[in-house]
Amino acid sequence: MQDDEQRLNQLNQKIEAAKSRNKDNSQSDVQPSQLGKVMKLTVEIVAAVGIGVGIGILLDNFFDTRPLFIIIFFLLGGCAGILNVFRVAKSMQNH
């Protein structure tokens, strides 16, 4: 019985030591690299344009008006992507 309590106390000490080491190695202070920032901005634009083109294709197939909606939503997606890039870049600049 006493041996179990002693082993449990040792285990708790090991857990606390590991937690304190983990807090010391936290990455909250690490700033993203330039490549990471560029990749984030690129994904913002590509995703917005891709979603816009996808919506355009769906609407063109539904209304049989190819390529009207593809062009319209490509432009809207591009504008949305550029706005997102400005917002993200501004928030990166503030940090």
PDB file of N, CA and C in Angstrom:
ATOM      1  N   MET A   1       0.818  -1.183   0.000  1.00  0.00           N
ATOM      2  CA  MET A   1       0.000   0.000   0.000  1.00  0.00           C
ATOM      3  C   MET A   1       0.866   1.252   0.000  1.00  0.00           C
ATOM      4  N   GLN A   2       1.844   1.271   0.914  1.00  0.00           N
ATOM      5  CA  GLN A   2       2.707   2.435   1.022  1.00  0.00           C
ATOM      6  C   GLN A   2       3.588   2.551  -0.220  1.00  0.00           C
ATOM      7  N   ASP A   3       3.945   1.410  -0.783  1.00  0.00           N
ATOM      8  CA  ASP A   3       4.753   1.398  -2.001  1.00  0.00           C
ATOM      9  C   ASP A   3       3.980   2.022  -3.163  1.00  0.00           C
ATOM     10  N   ASP A   4       2.678   1.743  -3.228  1.00  0.00           N
ATOM     11  CA  ASP A   4       1.850   2.325  -4.283  1.00  0.00           C
ATOM     12  C   ASP A   4       1.765   3.840  -4.149  1.00  0.00           C
ATOM     13  N   GLU A   5       1.617   4.319  -2.929  1.00  0.00           N
ATOM     14  CA  GLU A   5       1.548   5.766  -2.710  1.00  0.00           C
ATOM     15  C   GLU A   5       2.861   6.437  -3.081  1.00  0.00           C
ATOM     16  N   GLN A   6       3.956   5.763  -2.767  1.00  0.00           N
ATOM     17  CA  GLN A   6       5.266   6.315  -3.098  1.00  0.00           C
ATOM     18  C   GLN A   6       5.445   6.367  -4.617  1.00  0.00           C
ATOM     19  N   ARG A   7       5.051   5.324  -5.297  1.00  0.00           N
ATOM     20  CA  ARG A   7       5.146   5.299  -6.765  1.00  0.00           C
ATOM     21  C   ARG A   7       4.244   6.360  -7.385  1.00  0.00           C
ATOM     22  N   LEU A   8       3.064   6.551  -6.791  1.00  0.00           N
ATOM     23  CA  LEU A   8       2.145   7.570  -7.289  1.00  0.00           C
ATOM     24  C   LEU A   8       2.729   8.966  -7.104  1.00  0.00           C
ATOM     25  N   ASN A   9       3.348   9.214  -5.971  1.00  0.00           N
ATOM     26  CA  ASN A   9       3.991  10.507  -5.738  1.00  0.00           C
ATOM     27  C   ASN A   9       5.139  10.741  -6.716  1.00  0.00           C
ATOM     28  N   GLN A  10       5.923   9.700  -6.987  1.00  0.00           N
ATOM     29  CA  GLN A  10       7.013   9.829  -7.957  1.00  0.00           C
ATOM     30  C   GLN A  10       6.467  10.139  -9.349  1.00  0.00           C
ATOM     31  N   LEU A  11       5.378   9.470  -9.693  1.00  0.00           N
ATOM     32  CA  LEU A  11       4.764   9.714 -10.998  1.00  0.00           C
ATOM     33  C   LEU A  11       4.251  11.145 -11.093  1.00  0.00           C
ATOM     34  N   ASN A  12       3.614  11.637 -10.038  1.00  0.00           N
ATOM     35  CA  ASN A  12       3.130  13.022 -10.031  1.00  0.00           C
ATOM     36  C   ASN A  12       4.277  14.017 -10.164  1.00  0.00           C
ATOM     37  N   GLN A  13       5.396  13.723  -9.510  1.00  0.00           N
ATOM     38  CA  GLN A  13       6.561  14.602  -9.624  1.00  0.00           C
ATOM     39  C   GLN A  13       7.096  14.618 -11.053  1.00  0.00           C
ATOM     40  N   LYS A  14       7.124  13.453 -11.685  1.00  0.00           N
ATOM     41  CA  LYS A  14       7.589  13.381 -13.076  1.00  0.00           C
ATOM     42  C   LYS A  14       6.652  14.154 -14.004  1.00  0.00           C
ATOM     43  N   ILE A  15       5.361  14.036 -13.749  1.00  0.00           N
ATOM     44  CA  ILE A  15       4.380  14.744 -14.578  1.00  0.00           C
ATOM     45  C   ILE A  15       4.541  16.246 -14.420  1.00  0.00           C
ATOM     46  N   GLU A  16       4.693  16.707 -13.197  1.00  0.00           N
ATOM     47  CA  GLU A  16       4.877  18.146 -12.956  1.00  0.00           C
ATOM     48  C   GLU A  16       6.168  18.654 -13.587  1.00  0.00           C
ATOM     49  N   ALA A  17       7.231  17.856 -13.518  1.00  0.00           N
ATOM     50  CA  ALA A  17       8.498  18.256 -14.144  1.00  0.00           C
ATOM     51  C   ALA A  17       8.340  18.360 -15.655  1.00  0.00           C
ATOM     52  N   ALA A  18       7.613  17.411 -16.249  1.00  0.00           N
ATOM     53  CA  ALA A  18       7.391  17.450 -17.696  1.00  0.00           C
ATOM     54  C   ALA A  18       6.539  18.653 -18.085  1.00  0.00           C
ATOM     55  N   LYS A  19       5.541  18.975 -17.277  1.00  0.00           N
ATOM     56  CA  LYS A  19       4.703  20.141 -17.565  1.00  0.00           C
ATOM     57  C   LYS A  19       5.510  21.428 -17.504  1.00  0.00           C
ATOM     58  N   SER A  20       6.391  21.534 -16.516  1.00  0.00           N
ATOM     59  CA  SER A  20       7.192  22.758 -16.407  1.00  0.00           C
ATOM     60  C   SER A  20       8.176  22.868 -17.572  1.00  0.00           C
ATOM     61  N   ARG A  21       8.732  21.754 -18.022  1.00  0.00           N
ATOM     62  CA  ARG A  21       9.613  21.789 -19.201  1.00  0.00           C
ATOM     63  C   ARG A  21       8.833  22.183 -20.443  1.00  0.00           C
ATOM     64  N   ASN A  22       7.612  21.701 -20.542  1.00  0.00           N
ATOM     65  CA  ASN A  22       6.784  22.014 -21.702  1.00  0.00           C
ATOM     66  C   ASN A  22       6.437  23.492 -21.731  1.00  0.00           C
ATOM     67  N   LYS A  23       6.179  24.093 -20.577  1.00  0.00           N
ATOM     68  CA  LYS A  23       5.883  25.523 -20.524  1.00  0.00           C
ATOM     69  C   LYS A  23       7.089  26.338 -20.948  1.00  0.00           C
ATOM     70  N   ASP A  24       8.279  25.875 -20.587  1.00  0.00           N
ATOM     71  CA  ASP A  24       9.498  26.579 -20.970  1.00  0.00           C
ATOM     72  C   ASP A  24       9.729  26.529 -22.474  1.00  0.00           C
ATOM     73  N   ASN A  25       9.283  25.466 -23.115  1.00  0.00           N
ATOM     74  CA  ASN A  25       9.506  25.289 -24.550  1.00  0.00           C
ATOM     75  C   ASN A  25       8.317  25.717 -25.390  1.00  0.00           C
ATOM     76  N   SER A  26       7.369  26.443 -24.805  1.00  0.00           N
ATOM     77  CA  SER A  26       6.180  26.831 -25.558  1.00  0.00           C
ATOM     78  C   SER A  26       6.563  27.725 -26.724  1.00  0.00           C
ATOM     79  N   GLN A  27       5.796  27.626 -27.786  1.00  0.00           N
ATOM     80  CA  GLN A  27       6.113  28.359 -29.002  1.00  0.00           C
ATOM     81  C   GLN A  27       5.255  29.604 -29.160  1.00  0.00           C
ATOM     82  N   SER A  28       4.707  30.122 -28.088  1.00  0.00           N
ATOM     83  CA  SER A  28       3.864  31.307 -28.193  1.00  0.00           C
ATOM     84  C   SER A  28       4.678  32.542 -28.556  1.00  0.00           C
ATOM     85  N   ASP A  29       5.977  32.526 -28.245  1.00  0.00           N
ATOM     86  CA  ASP A  29       6.823  33.672 -28.546  1.00  0.00           C
ATOM     87  C   ASP A  29       7.431  33.600 -29.942  1.00  0.00           C
ATOM     88  N   VAL A  30       7.265  32.488 -30.628  1.00  0.00           N
ATOM     89  CA  VAL A  30       7.885  32.301 -31.932  1.00  0.00           C
ATOM     90  C   VAL A  30       7.099  33.066 -32.985  1.00  0.00           C
ATOM     91  N   GLN A  31       7.800  33.866 -33.767  1.00  0.00           N
ATOM     92  CA  GLN A  31       7.175  34.618 -34.851  1.00  0.00           C
ATOM     93  C   GLN A  31       7.200  33.770 -36.125  1.00  0.00           C
ATOM     94  N   PRO A  32       6.149  33.849 -36.945  1.00  0.00           N
ATOM     95  CA  PRO A  32       6.156  33.082 -38.189  1.00  0.00           C
ATOM     96  C   PRO A  32       7.238  33.593 -39.133  1.00  0.00           C
ATOM     97  N   SER A  33       7.770  32.677 -39.930  1.00  0.00           N
ATOM     98  CA  SER A  33       8.820  33.055 -40.867  1.00  0.00           C
ATOM     99  C   SER A  33       8.219  33.812 -42.049  1.00  0.00           C
ATOM    100  N   GLN A  34       9.084  34.417 -42.832  1.00  0.00           N
ATOM    101  CA  GLN A  34       8.620  35.147 -44.019  1.00  0.00           C
ATOM    102  C   GLN A  34       7.938  34.195 -44.996  1.00  0.00           C
ATOM    103  N   LEU A  35       8.503  32.998 -45.159  1.00  0.00           N
ATOM    104  CA  LEU A  35       7.898  32.027 -46.065  1.00  0.00           C
ATOM    105  C   LEU A  35       6.503  31.636 -45.584  1.00  0.00           C
ATOM    106  N   GLY A  36       6.336  31.475 -44.286  1.00  0.00           N
ATOM    107  CA  GLY A  36       5.023  31.151 -43.741  1.00  0.00           C
ATOM    108  C   GLY A  36       4.008  32.243 -44.002  1.00  0.00           C
ATOM    109  N   LYS A  37       4.446  33.487 -43.871  1.00  0.00           N
ATOM    110  CA  LYS A  37       3.547  34.614 -44.133  1.00  0.00           C
ATOM    111  C   LYS A  37       3.139  34.652 -45.602  1.00  0.00           C
ATOM    112  N   VAL A  38       4.113  34.457 -46.488  1.00  0.00           N
ATOM    113  CA  VAL A  38       3.819  34.477 -47.927  1.00  0.00           C
ATOM    114  C   VAL A  38       2.875  33.338 -48.290  1.00  0.00           C
ATOM    115  N   MET A  39       3.099  32.159 -47.719  1.00  0.00           N
ATOM    116  CA  MET A  39       2.226  31.021 -48.011  1.00  0.00           C
ATOM    117  C   MET A  39       0.800  31.293 -47.538  1.00  0.00           C
ATOM    118  N   LYS A  40       0.659  31.922 -46.387  1.00  0.00           N
ATOM    119  CA  LYS A  40      -0.677  32.231 -45.873  1.00  0.00           C
ATOM    120  C   LYS A  40      -1.399  33.196 -46.803  1.00  0.00           C
ATOM    121  N   LEU A  41      -0.697  34.225 -47.269  1.00  0.00           N
ATOM    122  CA  LEU A  41      -1.309  35.192 -48.178  1.00  0.00           C
ATOM    123  C   LEU A  41      -1.662  34.538 -49.511  1.00  0.00           C
ATOM    124  N   THR A  42      -0.793  33.657 -49.995  1.00  0.00           N
ATOM    125  CA  THR A  42      -1.056  32.961 -51.256  1.00  0.00           C
ATOM    126  C   THR A  42      -2.285  32.076 -51.137  1.00  0.00           C
ATOM    127  N   VAL A  43      -2.395  31.367 -50.039  1.00  0.00           N
ATOM    128  CA  VAL A  43      -3.556  30.494 -49.837  1.00  0.00           C
ATOM    129  C   VAL A  43      -4.838  31.310 -49.773  1.00  0.00           C
ATOM    130  N   GLU A  44      -4.783  32.488 -49.175  1.00  0.00           N
ATOM    131  CA  GLU A  44      -5.966  33.354 -49.106  1.00  0.00           C
ATOM    132  C   GLU A  44      -6.478  33.681 -50.509  1.00  0.00           C
ATOM    133  N   ILE A  45      -5.577  34.085 -51.399  1.00  0.00           N
ATOM    134  CA  ILE A  45      -5.996  34.462 -52.755  1.00  0.00           C
ATOM    135  C   ILE A  45      -6.477  33.247 -53.533  1.00  0.00           C
ATOM    136  N   VAL A  46      -5.694  32.167 -53.506  1.00  0.00           N
ATOM    137  CA  VAL A  46      -6.044  30.980 -54.291  1.00  0.00           C
ATOM    138  C   VAL A  46      -7.372  30.391 -53.828  1.00  0.00           C
ATOM    139  N   ALA A  47      -7.596  30.349 -52.532  1.00  0.00           N
ATOM    140  CA  ALA A  47      -8.851  29.796 -52.021  1.00  0.00           C
ATOM    141  C   ALA A  47     -10.044  30.643 -52.446  1.00  0.00           C
ATOM    142  N   ALA A  48      -9.912  31.958 -52.357  1.00  0.00           N
ATOM    143  CA  ALA A  48     -11.031  32.829 -52.733  1.00  0.00           C
ATOM    144  C   ALA A  48     -11.345  32.705 -54.219  1.00  0.00           C
ATOM    145  N   VAL A  49     -10.315  32.690 -55.056  1.00  0.00           N
ATOM    146  CA  VAL A  49     -10.540  32.560 -56.501  1.00  0.00           C
ATOM    147  C   VAL A  49     -11.113  31.181 -56.812  1.00  0.00           C
ATOM    148  N   GLY A  50     -10.584  30.145 -56.173  1.00  0.00           N
ATOM    149  CA  GLY A  50     -11.087  28.790 -56.411  1.00  0.00           C
ATOM    150  C   GLY A  50     -12.550  28.637 -56.031  1.00  0.00           C
ATOM    151  N   ILE A  51     -12.932  29.193 -54.910  1.00  0.00           N
ATOM    152  CA  ILE A  51     -14.332  29.120 -54.487  1.00  0.00           C
ATOM    153  C   ILE A  51     -15.210  29.914 -55.444  1.00  0.00           C
ATOM    154  N   GLY A  52     -14.731  31.078 -55.870  1.00  0.00           N
ATOM    155  CA  GLY A  52     -15.496  31.877 -56.828  1.00  0.00           C
ATOM    156  C   GLY A  52     -15.709  31.145 -58.143  1.00  0.00           C
ATOM    157  N   VAL A  53     -14.649  30.532 -58.661  1.00  0.00           N
ATOM    158  CA  VAL A  53     -14.771  29.781 -59.918  1.00  0.00           C
ATOM    159  C   VAL A  53     -15.689  28.582 -59.727  1.00  0.00           C
ATOM    160  N   GLY A  54     -15.586  27.915 -58.585  1.00  0.00           N
ATOM    161  CA  GLY A  54     -16.467  26.773 -58.323  1.00  0.00           C
ATOM    162  C   GLY A  54     -17.934  27.173 -58.298  1.00  0.00           C
ATOM    163  N   ILE A  55     -18.233  28.278 -57.658  1.00  0.00           N
ATOM    164  CA  ILE A  55     -19.617  28.768 -57.643  1.00  0.00           C
ATOM    165  C   ILE A  55     -20.053  29.135 -59.053  1.00  0.00           C
ATOM    166  N   GLY A  56     -19.160  29.773 -59.810  1.00  0.00           N
ATOM    167  CA  GLY A  56     -19.482  30.136 -61.191  1.00  0.00           C
ATOM    168  C   GLY A  56     -19.775  28.920 -62.049  1.00  0.00           C
ATOM    169  N   ILE A  57     -18.988  27.871 -61.901  1.00  0.00           N
ATOM    170  CA  ILE A  57     -19.219  26.644 -62.673  1.00  0.00           C
ATOM    171  C   ILE A  57     -20.566  26.033 -62.310  1.00  0.00           C
ATOM    172  N   LEU A  58     -20.865  25.982 -61.012  1.00  0.00           N
ATOM    173  CA  LEU A  58     -22.154  25.418 -60.595  1.00  0.00           C
ATOM    174  C   LEU A  58     -23.324  26.216 -61.164  1.00  0.00           C
ATOM    175  N   LEU A  59     -23.242  27.538 -61.093  1.00  0.00           N
ATOM    176  CA  LEU A  59     -24.335  28.361 -61.623  1.00  0.00           C
ATOM    177  C   LEU A  59     -24.431  28.255 -63.143  1.00  0.00           C
ATOM    178  N   ASP A  60     -23.288  28.204 -63.826  1.00  0.00           N
ATOM    179  CA  ASP A  60     -23.322  28.047 -65.281  1.00  0.00           C
ATOM    180  C   ASP A  60     -23.930  26.710 -65.682  1.00  0.00           C
ATOM    181  N   ASN A  61     -23.617  25.663 -64.950  1.00  0.00           N
ATOM    182  CA  ASN A  61     -24.218  24.366 -65.258  1.00  0.00           C
ATOM    183  C   ASN A  61     -25.713  24.370 -64.966  1.00  0.00           C
ATOM    184  N   PHE A  62     -26.115  25.049 -63.914  1.00  0.00           N
ATOM    185  CA  PHE A  62     -27.526  25.082 -63.547  1.00  0.00           C
ATOM    186  C   PHE A  62     -28.339  25.893 -64.552  1.00  0.00           C
ATOM    187  N   PHE A  63     -27.832  27.070 -64.955  1.00  0.00           N
ATOM    188  CA  PHE A  63     -28.568  27.951 -65.859  1.00  0.00           C
ATOM    189  C   PHE A  63     -28.166  27.779 -67.323  1.00  0.00           C
ATOM    190  N   ASP A  64     -27.176  26.938 -67.597  1.00  0.00           N
ATOM    191  CA  ASP A  64     -26.678  26.695 -68.952  1.00  0.00           C
ATOM    192  C   ASP A  64     -26.265  28.012 -69.625  1.00  0.00           C
ATOM    193  N   THR A  65     -25.453  28.783 -68.934  1.00  0.00           N
ATOM    194  CA  THR A  65     -25.016  30.093 -69.435  1.00  0.00           C
ATOM    195  C   THR A  65     -23.495  30.189 -69.487  1.00  0.00           C
ATOM    196  N   ARG A  66     -22.820  29.102 -69.783  1.00  0.00           N
ATOM    197  CA  ARG A  66     -21.360  29.071 -69.770  1.00  0.00           C
ATOM    198  C   ARG A  66     -20.804  30.146 -70.664  1.00  0.00           C
ATOM    199  N   PRO A  67     -19.836  30.919 -70.387  1.00  0.00           N
ATOM    200  CA  PRO A  67     -18.970  31.105 -69.227  1.00  0.00           C
ATOM    201  C   PRO A  67     -19.319  32.348 -68.427  1.00  0.00           C
ATOM    202  N   LEU A  68     -20.541  32.811 -68.497  1.00  0.00           N
ATOM    203  CA  LEU A  68     -20.932  34.071 -67.862  1.00  0.00           C
ATOM    204  C   LEU A  68     -20.632  34.092 -66.364  1.00  0.00           C
ATOM    205  N   PHE A  69     -21.174  33.134 -65.621  1.00  0.00           N
ATOM    206  CA  PHE A  69     -21.000  33.149 -64.170  1.00  0.00           C
ATOM    207  C   PHE A  69     -19.574  32.802 -63.747  1.00  0.00           C
ATOM    208  N   ILE A  70     -18.876  32.005 -64.558  1.00  0.00           N
ATOM    209  CA  ILE A  70     -17.473  31.713 -64.237  1.00  0.00           C
ATOM    210  C   ILE A  70     -16.667  33.007 -64.232  1.00  0.00           C
ATOM    211  N   ILE A  71     -16.859  33.828 -65.235  1.00  0.00           N
ATOM    212  CA  ILE A  71     -16.121  35.092 -65.322  1.00  0.00           C
ATOM    213  C   ILE A  71     -16.504  36.020 -64.172  1.00  0.00           C
ATOM    214  N   ILE A  72     -17.807  36.138 -63.927  1.00  0.00           N
ATOM    215  CA  ILE A  72     -18.275  37.035 -62.863  1.00  0.00           C
ATOM    216  C   ILE A  72     -17.721  36.608 -61.505  1.00  0.00           C
ATOM    217  N   PHE A  73     -17.840  35.325 -61.186  1.00  0.00           N
ATOM    218  CA  PHE A  73     -17.397  34.868 -59.870  1.00  0.00           C
ATOM    219  C   PHE A  73     -15.881  34.739 -59.772  1.00  0.00           C
ATOM    220  N   PHE A  74     -15.189  34.596 -60.910  1.00  0.00           N
ATOM    221  CA  PHE A  74     -13.731  34.667 -60.895  1.00  0.00           C
ATOM    222  C   PHE A  74     -13.294  36.059 -60.449  1.00  0.00           C
ATOM    223  N   LEU A  75     -13.927  37.078 -61.012  1.00  0.00           N
ATOM    224  CA  LEU A  75     -13.592  38.451 -60.630  1.00  0.00           C
ATOM    225  C   LEU A  75     -13.975  38.737 -59.177  1.00  0.00           C
ATOM    226  N   LEU A  76     -15.156  38.280 -58.767  1.00  0.00           N
ATOM    227  CA  LEU A  76     -15.567  38.482 -57.371  1.00  0.00           C
ATOM    228  C   LEU A  76     -14.642  37.742 -56.400  1.00  0.00           C
ATOM    229  N   GLY A  77     -14.259  36.529 -56.761  1.00  0.00           N
ATOM    230  CA  GLY A  77     -13.335  35.769 -55.918  1.00  0.00           C
ATOM    231  C   GLY A  77     -11.979  36.441 -55.826  1.00  0.00           C
ATOM    232  N   GLY A  78     -11.504  36.983 -56.946  1.00  0.00           N
ATOM    233  CA  GLY A  78     -10.234  37.705 -56.931  1.00  0.00           C
ATOM    234  C   GLY A  78     -10.297  38.930 -56.040  1.00  0.00           C
ATOM    235  N   CYS A  79     -11.393  39.668 -56.127  1.00  0.00           N
ATOM    236  CA  CYS A  79     -11.555  40.849 -55.259  1.00  0.00           C
ATOM    237  C   CYS A  79     -11.617  40.441 -53.789  1.00  0.00           C
ATOM    238  N   ALA A  80     -12.360  39.383 -53.503  1.00  0.00           N
ATOM    239  CA  ALA A  80     -12.445  38.909 -52.118  1.00  0.00           C
ATOM    240  C   ALA A  80     -11.081  38.444 -51.621  1.00  0.00           C
ATOM    241  N   GLY A  81     -10.325  37.774 -52.478  1.00  0.00           N
ATOM    242  CA  GLY A  81      -8.991  37.319 -52.096  1.00  0.00           C
ATOM    243  C   GLY A  81      -8.060  38.469 -51.794  1.00  0.00           C
ATOM    244  N   ILE A  82      -8.109  39.509 -52.615  1.00  0.00           N
ATOM    245  CA  ILE A  82      -7.251  40.676 -52.390  1.00  0.00           C
ATOM    246  C   ILE A  82      -7.644  41.385 -51.093  1.00  0.00           C
ATOM    247  N   LEU A  83      -8.942  41.505 -50.836  1.00  0.00           N
ATOM    248  CA  LEU A  83      -9.381  42.108 -49.570  1.00  0.00           C
ATOM    249  C   LEU A  83      -8.903  41.289 -48.367  1.00  0.00           C
ATOM    250  N   ASN A  84      -8.993  39.965 -48.485  1.00  0.00           N
ATOM    251  CA  ASN A  84      -8.512  39.108 -47.398  1.00  0.00           C
ATOM    252  C   ASN A  84      -7.014  39.274 -47.183  1.00  0.00           C
ATOM    253  N   VAL A  85      -6.265  39.394 -48.275  1.00  0.00           N
ATOM    254  CA  VAL A  85      -4.818  39.575 -48.158  1.00  0.00           C
ATOM    255  C   VAL A  85      -4.513  40.884 -47.447  1.00  0.00           C
ATOM    256  N   PHE A  86      -5.234  41.949 -47.788  1.00  0.00           N
ATOM    257  CA  PHE A  86      -5.019  43.227 -47.106  1.00  0.00           C
ATOM    258  C   PHE A  86      -5.313  43.108 -45.612  1.00  0.00           C
ATOM    259  N   ARG A  87      -6.400  42.418 -45.267  1.00  0.00           N
ATOM    260  CA  ARG A  87      -6.749  42.254 -43.854  1.00  0.00           C
ATOM    261  C   ARG A  87      -5.690  41.443 -43.104  1.00  0.00           C
ATOM    262  N   VAL A  88      -5.269  40.344 -43.703  1.00  0.00           N
ATOM    263  CA  VAL A  88      -4.273  39.496 -43.046  1.00  0.00           C
ATOM    264  C   VAL A  88      -2.943  40.224 -42.934  1.00  0.00           C
ATOM    265  N   ALA A  89      -2.550  40.924 -43.996  1.00  0.00           N
ATOM    266  CA  ALA A  89      -1.280  41.658 -43.967  1.00  0.00           C
ATOM    267  C   ALA A  89      -1.315  42.756 -42.912  1.00  0.00           C
ATOM    268  N   LYS A  90      -2.455  43.406 -42.774  1.00  0.00           N
ATOM    269  CA  LYS A  90      -2.583  44.456 -41.760  1.00  0.00           C
ATOM    270  C   LYS A  90      -2.482  43.864 -40.359  1.00  0.00           C
ATOM    271  N   SER A  91      -3.106  42.717 -40.135  1.00  0.00           N
ATOM    272  CA  SER A  91      -3.022  42.091 -38.812  1.00  0.00           C
ATOM    273  C   SER A  91      -1.609  41.583 -38.536  1.00  0.00           C
ATOM    274  N   MET A  92      -0.897  41.121 -39.562  1.00  0.00           N
ATOM    275  CA  MET A  92       0.496  40.697 -39.383  1.00  0.00           C
ATOM    276  C   MET A  92       1.381  41.889 -39.044  1.00  0.00           C
ATOM    277  N   GLN A  93       1.064  43.018 -39.636  1.00  0.00           N
ATOM    278  CA  GLN A  93       1.852  44.221 -39.408  1.00  0.00           C
ATOM    279  C   GLN A  93       1.677  44.723 -37.973  1.00  0.00           C
ATOM    280  N   ASN A  94       0.480  44.566 -37.426  1.00  0.00           N
ATOM    281  CA  ASN A  94       0.198  45.022 -36.063  1.00  0.00           C
ATOM    282  C   ASN A  94       0.876  44.156 -35.014  1.00  0.00           C
ATOM    283  N   HIS A  95       1.174  42.914 -35.364  1.00  0.00           N
ATOM    284  CA  HIS A  95       1.807  42.006 -34.396  1.00  0.00           C
ATOM    285  C   HIS A  95       3.259  42.142 -34.558  1.00  0.00           C
TER     286      HIS A  95
END
